[in-house]
Protein backbone atom coordinates (compact mmCIF):
# COMPACT_ATOMS: atom_id res chain seq x y z
CA MET A 1 0.00 0.00 0.00
CA THR A 2 1.12 3.56 -0.67
CA GLY A 3 0.06 6.89 0.74
CA ASP A 4 -0.43 10.25 -0.88
CA ALA A 5 2.11 11.58 -3.38
CA ASP A 6 5.22 12.96 -1.71
CA LEU A 7 5.32 16.38 -3.32
CA SER A 8 8.14 17.46 -1.02
CA ALA A 9 10.54 15.03 -2.72
CA VAL A 10 10.08 16.73 -6.09
CA ALA A 11 9.95 20.20 -4.53
CA GLU A 12 13.31 19.65 -2.82
CA LEU A 13 14.88 18.74 -6.16
CA ILE A 14 13.62 21.90 -7.84
CA ALA A 15 14.11 24.22 -4.85
CA ASP A 16 17.91 24.19 -5.05
CA ARG A 17 19.02 27.22 -7.06
CA ALA A 18 21.72 25.42 -9.05
CA ARG A 19 19.40 22.54 -9.92
CA SER A 20 16.66 24.96 -10.98
CA LYS A 21 19.10 26.67 -13.35
CA ILE A 22 20.05 23.28 -14.80
CA LEU A 23 16.38 22.45 -15.36
CA LEU A 24 15.74 25.81 -17.00
CA ALA A 25 18.67 25.24 -19.37
CA LEU A 26 17.32 21.79 -20.29
CA ALA A 27 13.76 23.07 -20.71
CA SER A 28 14.77 24.06 -24.24
CA GLY A 29 14.35 20.40 -25.18
CA ARG A 30 18.04 20.04 -26.01
CA GLU A 31 20.61 17.59 -24.73
CA LEU A 32 23.45 19.39 -22.98
CA SER A 33 26.70 18.16 -21.50
CA ALA A 34 27.56 18.33 -17.82
CA SER A 35 30.20 21.00 -18.48
CA VAL A 36 27.75 23.26 -20.29
CA LEU A 37 25.20 22.82 -17.53
CA ALA A 38 27.84 23.58 -14.90
CA ASP A 39 28.63 26.87 -16.65
CA GLU A 40 24.93 27.72 -16.95
CA ALA A 41 24.40 27.11 -13.24
CA GLY A 42 27.62 28.89 -12.24
CA ILE A 43 29.03 25.88 -10.39
CA SER A 44 32.00 23.50 -10.70
CA ARG A 45 31.85 20.35 -12.82
CA SER A 46 32.05 18.11 -9.74
CA THR A 47 29.20 19.97 -8.04
CA ALA A 48 27.14 19.81 -11.23
CA SER A 49 27.67 16.04 -11.42
CA ALA A 50 26.21 15.63 -7.93
CA HIS A 51 23.19 17.76 -8.83
CA LEU A 52 22.66 15.92 -12.11
CA ARG A 53 22.72 12.59 -10.30
CA LYS A 54 20.01 13.76 -7.92
CA LEU A 55 17.84 15.07 -10.75
CA ALA A 56 18.24 11.81 -12.68
CA ASP A 57 17.48 9.69 -9.62
CA GLY A 58 14.37 11.83 -9.06
CA GLY A 59 13.13 11.16 -12.59
CA LEU A 60 13.30 14.78 -13.77
CA ILE A 61 16.11 14.33 -16.28
CA ALA A 62 17.54 11.48 -18.35
CA ALA A 63 21.13 10.85 -19.42
CA ARG A 64 22.71 9.45 -22.57
CA ASN A 65 26.30 8.23 -22.80
CA ASP A 66 28.25 9.47 -25.80
CA GLY A 67 31.67 7.87 -25.60
CA ARG A 68 33.35 9.35 -22.55
CA ASN A 69 30.78 12.12 -22.27
CA ARG A 70 27.27 12.20 -20.89
CA HIS A 71 24.49 14.38 -22.19
CA PHE A 72 21.35 15.23 -20.27
CA ARG A 73 17.81 16.11 -21.23
CA ILE A 74 14.42 16.68 -19.61
CA ALA A 75 12.86 13.27 -18.92
CA GLY A 76 9.76 13.99 -21.02
CA PRO A 77 6.98 16.41 -21.94
CA GLU A 78 5.23 15.90 -18.60
CA VAL A 79 8.27 17.25 -16.75
CA ALA A 80 8.58 20.11 -19.24
CA GLY A 81 4.92 20.96 -18.66
CA VAL A 82 5.42 21.11 -14.90
CA LEU A 83 8.39 23.42 -15.34
CA GLU A 84 6.40 25.73 -17.62
CA ARG A 85 3.64 25.91 -15.02
CA LEU A 86 6.13 26.69 -12.25
CA MET A 87 7.63 29.47 -14.39
CA GLU A 88 4.20 31.07 -14.47
CA LEU A 89 3.84 30.85 -10.69
CA ALA A 90 7.41 31.84 -9.82
CA PRO A 91 8.33 35.51 -9.35
CA PRO A 92 10.75 36.84 -11.95
CA GLU A 93 14.36 37.17 -10.95
CA PRO A 94 15.51 40.77 -10.61
CA ILE A 95 17.31 41.89 -13.76
CA THR A 96 20.58 43.42 -12.66
CA SER A 97 22.55 43.40 -15.89
CA LEU A 98 22.24 44.17 -19.57
CA ARG A 99 22.74 40.47 -20.26
CA GLY A 100 19.77 39.55 -18.08
CA SER A 101 17.57 42.19 -19.68
CA THR A 102 18.55 41.05 -23.17
CA ARG A 103 17.84 37.41 -22.35
CA ALA A 104 14.40 38.21 -20.92
CA ALA A 105 13.46 40.11 -24.08
CA GLN A 106 14.76 37.27 -26.27
CA LEU A 107 12.74 34.68 -24.36
CA ARG A 108 9.55 36.65 -24.77
CA ARG A 109 10.15 37.20 -28.49
CA ALA A 110 11.04 33.63 -29.48
CA ARG A 111 11.93 30.52 -27.52
CA THR A 112 11.40 26.80 -27.36
CA CYS A 113 8.84 25.20 -25.05
CA TYR A 114 10.28 21.68 -24.79
CA ASP A 115 10.12 20.65 -28.49
CA HIS A 116 7.97 23.39 -30.05
CA LEU A 117 8.00 27.15 -30.63
CA ALA A 118 6.78 29.60 -28.01
CA GLY A 119 6.79 33.29 -27.16
CA ARG A 120 5.53 35.86 -29.66
CA LEU A 121 6.87 33.65 -32.44
CA GLY A 122 4.88 30.59 -31.35
CA VAL A 123 1.59 32.37 -30.69
CA GLY A 124 1.98 34.42 -33.88
CA ILE A 125 2.40 31.31 -36.03
CA MET A 126 -0.66 29.66 -34.51
CA HIS A 127 -2.75 32.83 -34.83
CA SER A 128 -1.75 33.15 -38.50
CA MET A 129 -2.64 29.53 -39.24
CA LEU A 130 -6.05 30.00 -37.62
CA GLN A 131 -6.72 33.24 -39.49
CA ARG A 132 -5.77 31.67 -42.82
CA GLY A 133 -7.89 28.56 -42.31
CA TYR A 134 -5.00 26.14 -41.89
CA LEU A 135 -6.21 25.24 -38.39
CA ALA A 136 -9.73 25.03 -37.01
CA GLY A 137 -11.29 24.46 -33.61
CA GLY A 138 -10.64 27.68 -31.70
CA ASP A 139 -9.34 31.24 -31.89
CA GLY A 140 -5.97 30.86 -30.15
CA LEU A 141 -7.01 33.01 -27.19
CA PHE A 142 -7.06 32.07 -23.52
CA ALA A 143 -10.25 33.21 -21.77
CA PRO A 144 -9.88 32.53 -18.02
CA GLU A 145 -13.57 33.10 -17.34
CA GLN A 146 -14.54 30.38 -19.84
CA ALA A 147 -11.73 27.90 -19.15
CA VAL A 148 -12.57 24.51 -17.68
CA ASP A 149 -9.30 22.57 -17.65
CA ASP A 150 -7.02 25.17 -19.26
CA HIS A 151 -4.57 27.09 -17.08
CA PRO A 152 -1.80 29.59 -17.87
CA ALA A 153 1.53 27.99 -18.78
CA GLY A 154 -0.03 24.53 -19.05
CA HIS A 155 -1.10 22.08 -21.73
CA GLY A 156 -4.48 23.01 -23.19
CA ARG A 157 -7.35 20.55 -22.90
CA ASP A 158 -10.54 22.52 -23.49
CA LEU A 159 -10.30 22.83 -27.28
CA ASP A 160 -9.82 20.31 -30.06
CA TYR A 161 -7.77 21.94 -32.81
CA ARG A 162 -7.35 20.17 -36.14
CA VAL A 163 -5.46 20.73 -39.39
CA THR A 164 -7.66 21.52 -42.39
CA ASP A 165 -7.09 20.35 -45.96
CA ALA A 166 -5.73 23.80 -46.76
CA GLY A 167 -3.43 23.43 -43.77
CA ASP A 168 -2.09 20.10 -45.03
CA ALA A 169 -1.27 21.72 -48.37
CA PHE A 170 0.39 24.69 -46.67
CA LEU A 171 2.55 22.51 -44.43
CA GLU A 172 3.71 20.49 -47.43
CA GLN A 173 4.44 23.71 -49.31
CA ILE A 174 6.79 25.05 -46.64
CA GLY A 175 8.43 21.65 -46.06
CA VAL A 176 7.08 20.68 -42.65
CA ARG A 177 7.42 16.95 -41.92
CA VAL A 178 5.34 15.77 -38.98
CA PRO A 179 7.16 13.07 -36.98
CA ASP A 180 5.53 9.72 -36.29
CA SER A 181 4.78 8.92 -32.66
CA ARG A 182 1.91 8.13 -30.33
CA ARG A 183 1.52 11.78 -29.41
CA PRO A 184 -1.53 13.66 -30.71
CA LEU A 185 -1.03 15.49 -33.99
CA VAL A 186 -2.25 18.83 -32.64
CA ARG A 187 -2.00 19.97 -29.06
CA TYR A 188 -1.61 23.44 -27.65
CA CYS A 189 -0.11 25.16 -24.63
CA ILE A 190 -1.13 28.41 -23.00
CA ASP A 191 2.01 30.49 -23.50
CA TRP A 192 3.35 31.73 -20.15
CA THR A 193 4.52 35.12 -21.41
CA GLU A 194 1.79 35.87 -23.96
CA THR A 195 -1.15 34.06 -22.28
CA ARG A 196 -2.33 32.84 -25.68
CA HIS A 197 -2.16 29.47 -27.41
CA HIS A 198 0.89 28.12 -29.19
CA LEU A 199 1.11 24.82 -31.06
CA ALA A 200 2.43 21.67 -29.42
CA GLY A 201 2.06 17.98 -30.24
CA ARG A 202 3.61 16.39 -33.31
CA LEU A 203 2.66 19.36 -35.45
CA GLY A 204 4.41 21.79 -33.11
CA ARG A 205 7.50 19.57 -33.19
CA GLY A 206 7.43 19.39 -36.99
CA ILE A 207 7.18 23.16 -37.37
CA ARG A 208 10.03 23.74 -34.90
CA ASP A 209 12.24 21.20 -36.69
CA ARG A 210 11.56 22.84 -40.06
CA PHE A 211 12.42 26.31 -38.74
CA LEU A 212 15.70 24.99 -37.32
CA GLU A 213 16.78 22.91 -40.32
CA ALA A 214 15.95 25.70 -42.77
CA GLY A 215 17.93 28.20 -40.72
CA TRP A 216 14.89 30.38 -40.08
CA VAL A 217 15.72 30.37 -36.38
CA LYS A 218 18.95 29.66 -34.52
CA ARG A 219 19.34 28.28 -31.04
CA SER A 220 21.18 29.88 -28.16
CA ALA A 221 24.19 27.95 -26.91
CA THR A 222 22.44 27.11 -23.64
CA HIS A 223 19.12 28.78 -22.84
CA ARG A 224 15.76 28.51 -24.59
CA ALA A 225 15.81 31.77 -26.52
CA LEU A 226 15.78 31.56 -30.32
CA LYS A 227 17.14 34.10 -32.77
CA VAL A 228 14.98 34.68 -35.84
CA THR A 229 17.33 35.03 -38.81
CA PRO A 230 16.81 37.41 -41.76
CA ALA A 231 15.65 34.41 -43.81
CA GLY A 232 13.21 33.60 -41.02
CA GLU A 233 11.87 37.13 -40.95
CA THR A 234 11.23 36.86 -44.69
CA ILE A 235 9.41 33.51 -44.38
CA LEU A 236 7.31 34.73 -41.46
CA GLU A 237 6.13 37.80 -43.36
CA ARG A 238 5.63 36.03 -46.70
CA GLU A 239 4.03 32.78 -45.52
CA PHE A 240 2.43 33.79 -42.23
CA GLY A 241 1.88 37.54 -42.59
CA LEU A 242 3.79 37.89 -39.32
CA VAL A 243 6.19 40.69 -38.42
CA LEU A 244 7.75 40.18 -35.00
CA GLN A 245 8.48 43.24 -32.95
CA PRO A 246 12.03 43.43 -31.50
């Protein structure tokens, strides 16, 4: 027999400042080495190894051996979803440097949310696809007074979005390949900075992969911010009618 869930065990893992910085770095959906994560958390390699072991033992991250090196990633979309929700609840860190201010602006403009696009980029793409009839089933807006199971910075459940025939043709036209898996084709999240819907699921993954492989966006070395390239700006305006503000 077992009792209630021991929330304190997970809370203790996340509460440590160094471990929280490691989790935020991995929330981009990327695999990162222990040395990169140590730099991101501002700690030594040996200290990072101890923190990574605790996070892995707690089921929050997974490791992959690559020769003599180990790379780490978030254990799955459920963990990523919990982190997104906590980001919504957590107070923002004081910005005390130009670097911190720049990063905050970059995250709001364009970032990854586990394996799909978020920020103004993510919600703008979904809004455009709804306006152009490529998606149906909702308007992309979060209405708290009407929400049943939807919450800010969480996976959406109230609406059932679907790709239209015109949407299938559009996705083929711009070269999006939707990966095969058991995940739903179309899911959505309530974006934690924009409080609107952005695409998740296999479609969200396919769009993110296409933007990366085509060079329309570039990843940061460690954190989740994305840089929209000049080619990306052109595609966004031409194919989505979207002009991102700086």
